[in-house]
N, C-alpha and C. Protein backbone atom coordinates (compact mmCIF):
# COMPACT_ATOMS: atom_id res chain seq x y z
N UNK A 1 -27.75 -49.74 116.10
CA UNK A 1 -26.43 -49.63 116.52
C UNK A 1 -25.92 -50.34 117.61
N UNK A 2 -24.61 -51.10 117.85
CA UNK A 2 -24.28 -51.98 118.69
C UNK A 2 -24.74 -53.68 118.73
N UNK A 3 -25.65 -53.66 117.57
CA UNK A 3 -25.82 -55.00 117.26
C UNK A 3 -24.88 -55.68 116.59
N UNK A 4 -23.75 -55.57 115.96
CA UNK A 4 -22.96 -56.07 115.25
C UNK A 4 -22.33 -57.36 115.93
N UNK A 5 -21.65 -56.76 117.13
CA UNK A 5 -20.88 -57.36 117.96
C UNK A 5 -21.67 -57.86 119.23
N UNK A 6 -23.02 -58.58 119.25
CA UNK A 6 -23.51 -58.65 120.44
C UNK A 6 -23.39 -59.81 121.03
N UNK A 7 -22.20 -60.76 120.84
CA UNK A 7 -22.28 -61.88 121.54
C UNK A 7 -21.98 -61.87 122.85
N UNK A 8 -21.37 -60.68 123.37
CA UNK A 8 -20.90 -60.45 124.74
C UNK A 8 -22.18 -60.47 125.89
N UNK A 9 -22.07 -60.85 126.84
CA UNK A 9 -23.25 -60.88 127.65
C UNK A 9 -23.04 -59.47 128.95
N UNK A 10 -24.05 -59.12 129.45
CA UNK A 10 -24.12 -58.13 130.08
C UNK A 10 -24.72 -58.35 131.58
N UNK A 11 -24.62 -57.72 132.78
CA UNK A 11 -25.57 -57.87 133.77
C UNK A 11 -25.60 -56.84 134.81
N UNK A 12 -26.47 -56.86 135.61
CA UNK A 12 -26.41 -55.55 136.41
C UNK A 12 -25.38 -54.92 137.45
N UNK A 13 -25.01 -54.32 137.55
CA UNK A 13 -23.65 -54.07 138.55
C UNK A 13 -24.15 -54.67 140.00
N UNK A 14 -23.16 -55.37 140.78
CA UNK A 14 -23.53 -55.87 142.38
C UNK A 14 -23.25 -54.98 143.12
N UNK A 15 -23.95 -54.77 144.34
CA UNK A 15 -23.86 -53.99 145.51
C UNK A 15 -22.28 -53.70 145.94
N UNK A 16 -21.72 -54.77 145.95
CA UNK A 16 -20.33 -54.88 146.30
C UNK A 16 -19.23 -54.13 145.19
N UNK A 17 -19.51 -54.25 143.84
CA UNK A 17 -19.32 -53.20 142.75
C UNK A 17 -19.32 -51.93 142.89
N UNK A 18 -20.76 -51.64 143.55
CA UNK A 18 -20.76 -50.24 143.58
C UNK A 18 -20.59 -49.64 144.95
N UNK A 19 -19.91 -50.41 145.91
CA UNK A 19 -19.28 -49.97 147.11
C UNK A 19 -17.88 -49.64 146.82
N UNK A 20 -17.32 -50.74 146.06
CA UNK A 20 -16.02 -50.36 145.57
C UNK A 20 -15.53 -48.99 144.58
N UNK A 21 -16.72 -48.86 143.82
CA UNK A 21 -16.82 -47.74 142.83
C UNK A 21 -16.98 -46.47 143.92
N UNK A 22 -17.66 -46.58 144.78
CA UNK A 22 -17.85 -45.38 145.94
C UNK A 22 -16.33 -45.31 146.43
N UNK A 23 -15.50 -46.45 146.90
CA UNK A 23 -14.59 -46.23 147.84
C UNK A 23 -13.34 -45.69 146.74
N UNK A 24 -13.42 -45.94 145.60
CA UNK A 24 -12.46 -45.44 144.83
C UNK A 24 -12.92 -43.99 144.35
N UNK A 25 -13.93 -43.39 144.17
CA UNK A 25 -13.82 -42.04 144.41
C UNK A 25 -13.69 -41.19 145.40
N UNK A 26 -13.59 -41.68 146.60
CA UNK A 26 -13.44 -41.24 148.02
C UNK A 26 -11.72 -41.06 147.86
N UNK A 27 -11.02 -42.11 147.31
CA UNK A 27 -9.79 -42.05 147.43
C UNK A 27 -9.12 -41.34 146.32
N UNK A 28 -9.75 -41.25 145.45
CA UNK A 28 -9.30 -40.23 144.20
C UNK A 28 -9.38 -38.57 144.70
N UNK A 29 -10.53 -38.62 145.37
CA UNK A 29 -10.99 -37.17 145.94
C UNK A 29 -9.84 -36.64 147.04
N UNK A 30 -9.03 -37.74 147.44
CA UNK A 30 -7.93 -37.35 148.31
C UNK A 30 -6.63 -36.63 147.77
N UNK A 31 -6.76 -37.17 146.46
CA UNK A 31 -5.54 -36.74 145.71
C UNK A 31 -5.07 -35.17 145.59
N UNK A 32 -3.97 -34.91 145.80
CA UNK A 32 -3.60 -33.32 145.68
C UNK A 32 -3.27 -32.92 144.37
N UNK A 33 -3.61 -31.86 143.55
CA UNK A 33 -3.35 -31.49 142.41
C UNK A 33 -1.99 -31.01 142.54
N UNK A 34 -1.13 -31.46 141.62
CA UNK A 34 0.19 -30.91 141.55
C UNK A 34 0.58 -29.50 141.36
N UNK A 35 1.35 -28.86 141.79
CA UNK A 35 1.61 -27.64 141.56
C UNK A 35 3.10 -27.51 140.62
N UNK A 36 2.80 -26.93 139.31
CA UNK A 36 4.02 -27.09 138.32
C UNK A 36 4.77 -25.91 138.48
N UNK A 37 4.12 -24.66 138.86
CA UNK A 37 4.98 -23.61 138.81
C UNK A 37 4.48 -22.74 140.03
N UNK A 38 5.18 -22.13 141.01
CA UNK A 38 4.77 -21.39 142.07
C UNK A 38 5.05 -19.78 141.55
N UNK A 39 3.99 -18.99 141.90
CA UNK A 39 4.13 -17.65 140.94
C UNK A 39 5.04 -17.00 141.97
N UNK A 40 5.34 -17.44 143.27
CA UNK A 40 6.25 -16.57 144.12
C UNK A 40 7.72 -16.55 143.58
N UNK A 41 8.20 -17.91 142.68
CA UNK A 41 9.49 -18.11 142.35
C UNK A 41 9.58 -17.51 140.94
N UNK A 42 10.14 -16.27 141.07
CA UNK A 42 10.37 -15.30 139.91
C UNK A 42 11.03 -15.92 138.79
N UNK A 43 12.06 -16.92 138.93
CA UNK A 43 12.91 -17.41 138.28
C UNK A 43 12.48 -19.06 137.65
N UNK A 44 11.29 -19.11 137.84
CA UNK A 44 10.28 -20.34 137.42
C UNK A 44 9.67 -20.27 136.34
N UNK A 45 10.14 -21.05 135.26
CA UNK A 45 9.55 -21.13 133.76
C UNK A 45 9.06 -22.62 133.49
N UNK A 46 7.78 -22.44 132.80
CA UNK A 46 7.08 -23.51 132.53
C UNK A 46 6.87 -23.94 131.07
N UNK A 47 7.15 -24.82 130.53
CA UNK A 47 7.20 -25.14 128.99
C UNK A 47 6.02 -26.61 128.93
N UNK A 48 5.42 -26.45 128.33
CA UNK A 48 4.58 -27.53 128.32
C UNK A 48 4.77 -27.82 126.47
N UNK A 49 4.93 -29.23 126.30
CA UNK A 49 5.04 -29.89 125.04
C UNK A 49 3.69 -30.95 125.01
N UNK A 50 2.93 -30.33 123.88
CA UNK A 50 1.57 -30.93 123.84
C UNK A 50 1.21 -31.78 122.30
N UNK A 51 1.08 -33.05 122.35
CA UNK A 51 0.94 -33.48 121.07
C UNK A 51 -0.25 -34.23 121.18
N UNK A 52 -1.07 -33.84 120.00
CA UNK A 52 -2.60 -34.53 119.81
C UNK A 52 -2.45 -35.58 119.13
N UNK A 53 -3.32 -36.44 118.90
CA UNK A 53 -3.57 -37.79 118.54
C UNK A 53 -3.90 -37.84 116.99
N UNK A 54 -3.95 -39.27 116.48
CA UNK A 54 -4.11 -39.31 114.97
C UNK A 54 -5.31 -38.65 114.38
N UNK A 55 -4.84 -37.78 113.34
CA UNK A 55 -5.84 -37.28 112.59
C UNK A 55 -6.43 -35.75 113.53
N UNK A 56 -5.77 -35.61 114.61
CA UNK A 56 -6.50 -34.78 115.42
C UNK A 56 -5.87 -33.33 115.13
N UNK A 57 -6.58 -32.40 115.12
CA UNK A 57 -5.94 -30.79 114.65
C UNK A 57 -6.72 -29.86 115.49
N UNK A 58 -6.26 -29.21 116.60
CA UNK A 58 -6.68 -28.24 117.38
C UNK A 58 -7.06 -27.04 116.51
N UNK A 59 -6.20 -26.67 115.29
CA UNK A 59 -6.56 -25.71 114.40
C UNK A 59 -7.44 -25.88 113.47
N UNK A 60 -8.34 -26.90 113.57
CA UNK A 60 -9.17 -27.23 112.51
C UNK A 60 -10.65 -26.84 113.16
N UNK A 61 -10.91 -25.97 112.75
CA UNK A 61 -12.42 -25.43 113.25
C UNK A 61 -13.36 -26.59 113.01
N UNK A 62 -13.60 -27.61 111.93
CA UNK A 62 -14.47 -28.68 111.99
C UNK A 62 -14.19 -29.57 112.92
N UNK A 63 -13.08 -29.71 113.78
CA UNK A 63 -12.61 -30.79 114.34
C UNK A 63 -13.40 -30.23 116.01
N UNK A 64 -13.91 -31.00 116.73
CA UNK A 64 -14.14 -30.98 118.34
C UNK A 64 -12.79 -31.16 118.87
N UNK A 65 -12.25 -30.53 119.90
CA UNK A 65 -10.84 -30.78 120.31
C UNK A 65 -10.95 -31.93 121.17
N UNK A 66 -9.70 -32.48 121.47
CA UNK A 66 -9.44 -33.50 122.39
C UNK A 66 -9.22 -32.90 123.49
N UNK A 67 -8.63 -33.53 124.60
CA UNK A 67 -8.40 -32.74 125.97
C UNK A 67 -6.88 -32.21 125.66
N UNK A 68 -6.07 -32.46 124.72
CA UNK A 68 -4.86 -31.79 124.22
C UNK A 68 -5.16 -30.52 123.77
N UNK A 69 -6.44 -30.66 122.84
CA UNK A 69 -6.74 -29.38 122.05
C UNK A 69 -7.23 -28.22 122.81
N UNK A 70 -7.97 -28.77 123.84
CA UNK A 70 -8.62 -27.88 125.01
C UNK A 70 -7.34 -27.53 125.82
N UNK A 71 -6.30 -28.21 125.98
CA UNK A 71 -5.24 -27.48 126.80
C UNK A 71 -4.43 -26.61 126.07
N UNK A 72 -4.27 -26.70 124.70
CA UNK A 72 -3.62 -25.80 123.89
C UNK A 72 -4.28 -24.46 123.90
N UNK A 73 -5.68 -24.33 123.80
CA UNK A 73 -6.74 -23.32 124.00
C UNK A 73 -6.56 -22.78 125.16
N UNK A 74 -6.11 -23.48 126.46
CA UNK A 74 -5.93 -22.78 127.63
C UNK A 74 -4.43 -22.03 127.68
N UNK A 75 -3.60 -22.73 127.04
CA UNK A 75 -1.97 -22.28 126.96
C UNK A 75 -2.10 -20.94 126.22
N UNK A 76 -3.08 -20.72 125.09
CA UNK A 76 -2.92 -19.70 124.27
C UNK A 76 -3.44 -18.72 125.36
N UNK A 77 -4.16 -18.63 125.94
CA UNK A 77 -4.88 -17.54 127.11
C UNK A 77 -3.68 -17.07 127.86
N UNK A 78 -3.07 -18.13 128.68
CA UNK A 78 -2.36 -18.16 129.48
C UNK A 78 -0.69 -17.34 129.22
N UNK A 79 -0.42 -17.65 127.60
CA UNK A 79 0.56 -17.46 127.34
C UNK A 79 0.58 -15.86 127.03
N UNK A 80 -0.50 -15.22 126.99
CA UNK A 80 -0.62 -13.63 126.61
C UNK A 80 -0.26 -13.06 128.01
N UNK A 81 0.05 -13.46 128.65
CA UNK A 81 0.56 -12.71 130.16
C UNK A 81 1.97 -13.28 130.17
N UNK A 82 2.74 -12.24 129.97
CA UNK A 82 4.22 -12.60 129.95
C UNK A 82 4.66 -12.73 131.53
N UNK A 83 4.22 -12.29 132.74
CA UNK A 83 4.23 -12.59 133.98
C UNK A 83 4.09 -13.93 134.55
N UNK A 84 3.13 -14.73 133.44
CA UNK A 84 3.28 -16.20 133.83
C UNK A 84 4.38 -17.03 133.67
N UNK A 85 5.15 -16.83 132.64
CA UNK A 85 6.12 -16.89 132.22
C UNK A 85 5.77 -18.54 132.03
N UNK A 86 5.18 -18.80 130.95
CA UNK A 86 4.91 -20.06 130.21
C UNK A 86 4.99 -20.21 129.00
N UNK A 87 5.19 -21.30 128.17
CA UNK A 87 5.48 -21.21 126.95
C UNK A 87 4.92 -22.89 126.29
N UNK A 88 4.88 -23.08 125.47
CA UNK A 88 4.12 -24.10 124.98
C UNK A 88 4.37 -24.53 123.30
N UNK A 89 4.47 -25.63 122.63
CA UNK A 89 4.36 -26.16 121.60
C UNK A 89 3.35 -27.20 121.23
N UNK A 90 2.49 -26.89 120.96
CA UNK A 90 1.49 -27.56 120.02
C UNK A 90 1.74 -28.47 119.03
N UNK A 91 1.74 -29.81 119.01
CA UNK A 91 1.95 -30.64 117.61
C UNK A 91 0.65 -31.46 117.21
N UNK A 92 0.06 -30.88 116.09
CA UNK A 92 -0.97 -31.71 115.54
C UNK A 92 -0.77 -33.05 115.43
N UNK A 93 -2.17 -33.78 115.57
CA UNK A 93 -1.73 -35.38 115.34
C UNK A 93 -0.92 -36.08 114.20
N UNK A 94 -0.54 -37.20 114.28
CA UNK A 94 -0.12 -37.95 112.96
C UNK A 94 -1.17 -37.91 112.05
N UNK A 95 -0.77 -37.92 110.69
CA UNK A 95 -2.25 -38.11 109.74
C UNK A 95 -3.24 -36.76 109.78
N UNK A 96 -2.43 -35.54 109.83
CA UNK A 96 -3.40 -34.29 109.75
C UNK A 96 -2.97 -33.30 108.38
N UNK A 97 -2.43 -33.92 107.54
CA UNK A 97 -2.26 -33.31 106.26
C UNK A 97 -3.21 -33.15 105.23
N UNK A 98 -3.26 -31.96 104.75
CA UNK A 98 -4.43 -31.63 103.75
C UNK A 98 -4.35 -32.60 102.67
N UNK A 99 -3.37 -33.04 101.99
CA UNK A 99 -3.36 -33.86 100.71
C UNK A 99 -4.04 -35.46 101.39
N UNK A 100 -5.01 -35.87 101.13
CA UNK A 100 -5.78 -37.34 101.44
C UNK A 100 -4.85 -38.35 101.19
N UNK A 101 -3.59 -38.61 100.20
CA UNK A 101 -2.95 -39.13 100.25
C UNK A 101 -1.71 -39.35 101.27
N UNK A 102 -1.15 -38.31 101.43
CA UNK A 102 -0.25 -38.18 102.45
C UNK A 102 -0.68 -38.49 103.94
N UNK A 103 -2.03 -38.07 104.07
CA UNK A 103 -2.73 -38.18 105.57
C UNK A 103 -2.82 -39.56 105.57
N UNK A 104 -3.44 -40.41 104.73
CA UNK A 104 -3.74 -41.77 104.81
C UNK A 104 -2.20 -42.52 105.03
N UNK A 105 -1.32 -42.24 104.35
CA UNK A 105 -0.03 -42.97 104.57
C UNK A 105 0.50 -42.32 105.70
N UNK A 106 0.55 -41.40 106.18
CA UNK A 106 1.12 -40.96 107.53
C UNK A 106 0.41 -41.76 108.81
N UNK A 107 -1.05 -41.67 108.47
CA UNK A 107 -1.78 -42.38 109.20
C UNK A 107 -1.39 -43.91 109.71
N UNK A 108 -0.99 -44.75 108.42
CA UNK A 108 -0.72 -45.88 108.42
C UNK A 108 0.83 -46.28 108.85
N UNK A 109 1.64 -45.43 108.24
CA UNK A 109 3.10 -45.41 108.56
C UNK A 109 3.58 -43.98 108.97
N UNK A 110 3.43 -43.84 110.30
CA UNK A 110 4.06 -42.18 110.86
C UNK A 110 5.24 -41.63 110.42
N UNK A 111 5.07 -41.35 109.35
CA UNK A 111 6.88 -40.78 108.83
C UNK A 111 6.96 -39.38 109.28
N UNK A 112 6.01 -38.82 109.91
CA UNK A 112 6.21 -37.16 110.42
C UNK A 112 6.19 -37.60 111.99
N UNK A 113 6.38 -38.76 112.19
CA UNK A 113 6.68 -39.17 114.18
C UNK A 113 8.06 -38.07 114.43
N UNK A 114 8.96 -38.43 113.83
CA UNK A 114 10.17 -37.53 114.19
C UNK A 114 10.16 -36.00 114.08
N UNK A 115 9.66 -35.82 113.10
CA UNK A 115 9.36 -34.31 112.66
C UNK A 115 8.83 -33.58 113.71
N UNK A 116 8.02 -34.20 114.14
CA UNK A 116 6.79 -33.64 115.22
C UNK A 116 7.70 -33.32 116.51
N UNK A 117 8.53 -34.56 116.98
CA UNK A 117 9.46 -34.45 117.97
C UNK A 117 10.24 -33.43 117.90
N UNK A 118 11.18 -33.61 116.65
CA UNK A 118 12.00 -32.57 116.54
C UNK A 118 11.61 -30.89 116.71
N UNK A 119 10.52 -30.74 116.11
CA UNK A 119 9.93 -29.28 115.84
C UNK A 119 9.48 -28.88 117.22
N UNK A 120 9.06 -29.99 117.93
CA UNK A 120 8.41 -29.40 119.68
C UNK A 120 10.22 -29.07 120.35
N UNK A 121 10.96 -29.98 120.21
CA UNK A 121 12.06 -29.87 120.83
C UNK A 121 13.20 -28.36 120.60
N UNK A 122 12.80 -28.35 118.83
CA UNK A 122 13.35 -26.73 118.53
C UNK A 122 12.64 -25.88 119.50
N UNK A 123 11.17 -25.64 119.31
CA UNK A 123 10.53 -24.79 120.22
C UNK A 123 11.13 -24.55 121.48
N UNK A 124 11.40 -25.77 122.52
CA UNK A 124 11.71 -25.92 123.53
C UNK A 124 13.19 -25.15 123.49
N UNK A 125 13.95 -25.36 122.67
CA UNK A 125 15.51 -24.77 122.66
C UNK A 125 15.31 -22.89 122.50
N UNK A 126 14.39 -22.76 121.73
CA UNK A 126 14.18 -21.36 121.20
C UNK A 126 13.62 -20.67 122.33
N UNK A 127 12.45 -21.07 122.83
CA UNK A 127 12.16 -20.53 124.27
C UNK A 127 12.76 -20.47 125.44
N UNK A 128 13.78 -21.84 125.65
CA UNK A 128 14.73 -21.55 126.43
C UNK A 128 15.64 -20.50 126.67
N UNK A 129 16.39 -20.48 125.31
CA UNK A 129 17.12 -19.49 124.98
C UNK A 129 16.95 -18.15 125.28
N UNK A 130 15.37 -17.82 124.88
CA UNK A 130 14.64 -16.31 125.16
C UNK A 130 14.53 -16.23 126.62
N UNK A 131 14.15 -17.07 127.25
CA UNK A 131 14.22 -17.10 128.94
C UNK A 131 15.47 -16.61 129.43
N UNK A 132 16.54 -17.28 129.01
CA UNK A 132 17.64 -17.52 129.62
C UNK A 132 18.33 -16.00 129.27
N UNK A 133 17.99 -15.66 128.07
CA UNK A 133 18.42 -14.01 127.92
C UNK A 133 17.70 -13.32 128.47
N UNK A 134 16.54 -13.15 128.91
CA UNK A 134 15.93 -12.10 130.09
C UNK A 134 16.23 -12.33 131.40
N UNK A 135 16.60 -13.96 131.68
CA UNK A 135 16.69 -14.11 133.02
C UNK A 135 17.83 -15.24 133.14
N UNK A 136 19.07 -14.82 133.27
CA UNK A 136 20.32 -15.65 133.60
C UNK A 136 20.00 -16.81 134.27
N UNK A 137 19.31 -16.48 135.55
CA UNK A 137 18.73 -17.75 136.52
C UNK A 137 17.45 -18.54 136.25
N UNK A 138 17.20 -18.39 135.34
CA UNK A 138 15.90 -19.11 134.81
C UNK A 138 15.92 -20.56 135.37
N UNK A 139 14.97 -21.13 135.97
CA UNK A 139 14.87 -22.82 136.12
C UNK A 139 13.71 -23.09 135.23
N UNK A 140 14.06 -23.83 134.34
CA UNK A 140 12.86 -24.27 133.38
C UNK A 140 12.31 -25.58 133.60
N UNK A 141 11.26 -25.73 133.63
CA UNK A 141 10.38 -27.15 133.91
C UNK A 141 9.68 -27.53 132.69
N UNK A 142 9.44 -28.69 132.53
CA UNK A 142 8.92 -29.04 131.33
C UNK A 142 7.86 -30.23 131.67
N UNK A 143 6.80 -30.06 131.15
CA UNK A 143 5.86 -30.98 131.04
C UNK A 143 5.32 -31.71 129.69
N UNK A 144 5.22 -32.78 129.64
CA UNK A 144 4.81 -33.19 128.14
C UNK A 144 3.40 -34.05 128.34
N UNK A 145 2.59 -33.82 127.39
CA UNK A 145 0.99 -34.20 127.40
C UNK A 145 0.80 -34.70 126.08
N UNK A 146 0.05 -36.18 125.92
CA UNK A 146 -0.10 -36.64 124.73
C UNK A 146 -1.66 -37.06 124.38
N UNK A 147 -2.11 -37.18 123.56
CA UNK A 147 -3.24 -37.99 123.54
C UNK A 147 -3.17 -39.07 122.49
N UNK A 148 -3.78 -40.17 122.53
CA UNK A 148 -3.45 -41.20 121.87
C UNK A 148 -2.08 -41.55 121.33
N UNK A 149 -2.36 -41.59 119.99
CA UNK A 149 -0.90 -41.47 119.30
C UNK A 149 0.27 -40.57 119.77
N UNK A 150 -0.59 -39.21 120.17
CA UNK A 150 0.37 -38.35 120.79
C UNK A 150 1.19 -38.56 122.13
N UNK A 151 0.51 -39.65 122.99
CA UNK A 151 0.87 -40.11 123.81
C UNK A 151 2.44 -40.77 123.93
N UNK A 152 2.53 -41.43 122.64
CA UNK A 152 3.76 -42.28 122.57
C UNK A 152 4.85 -40.80 121.99
N UNK A 153 4.35 -39.90 121.49
CA UNK A 153 5.48 -39.07 120.96
C UNK A 153 5.77 -38.29 122.25
N UNK A 154 5.23 -38.14 123.39
CA UNK A 154 5.89 -37.31 124.42
C UNK A 154 6.97 -38.16 125.17
N UNK A 155 7.35 -39.47 125.23
CA UNK A 155 8.53 -40.04 125.66
C UNK A 155 9.63 -39.61 124.62
N UNK A 156 9.26 -39.68 123.27
CA UNK A 156 10.33 -39.69 122.60
C UNK A 156 10.85 -38.10 122.46
N UNK A 157 9.92 -37.48 122.85
CA UNK A 157 10.44 -35.93 123.29
C UNK A 157 11.52 -35.80 124.56
N UNK A 158 10.75 -36.40 125.37
CA UNK A 158 11.31 -36.38 126.46
C UNK A 158 13.02 -37.16 126.59
N UNK A 159 13.07 -38.03 125.95
CA UNK A 159 14.50 -38.57 125.58
C UNK A 159 15.42 -37.78 124.82
N UNK A 160 15.07 -36.70 124.10
CA UNK A 160 16.20 -35.65 123.40
C UNK A 160 16.79 -35.17 124.42
């Protein structure tokens, strides 16, 4: 394995590169984790739009989940507690149909692109309506997360 395109050269890492890597790690450790929702703000609600990558479906037990699939599983658990005021819509990746021809065609020419964005937006609208009926002062924040081609769907969703 790895012998087919072996024309590239390799070399040991230099002490300067190791030092640069150590400095980058230290800088990254100083970054703060963003707070998306504060529990003390009772009118704060959070909606996640999560888009998986091509051929990826977190609902398919035969596949290992992507980071988006792992996030979906975490959101499944969090949503069970209504006091957390969290909603989400998971969109499986392009090319996840059961029909092999449709799956291949969608993978090459993503004809379900707009449908996935619109379904997610409809879920947001439905969830927003429920939250506003329960709490007229609801302040809803939205986070979009995507993996691979799903990362391209996220800005499409944000533009709606």
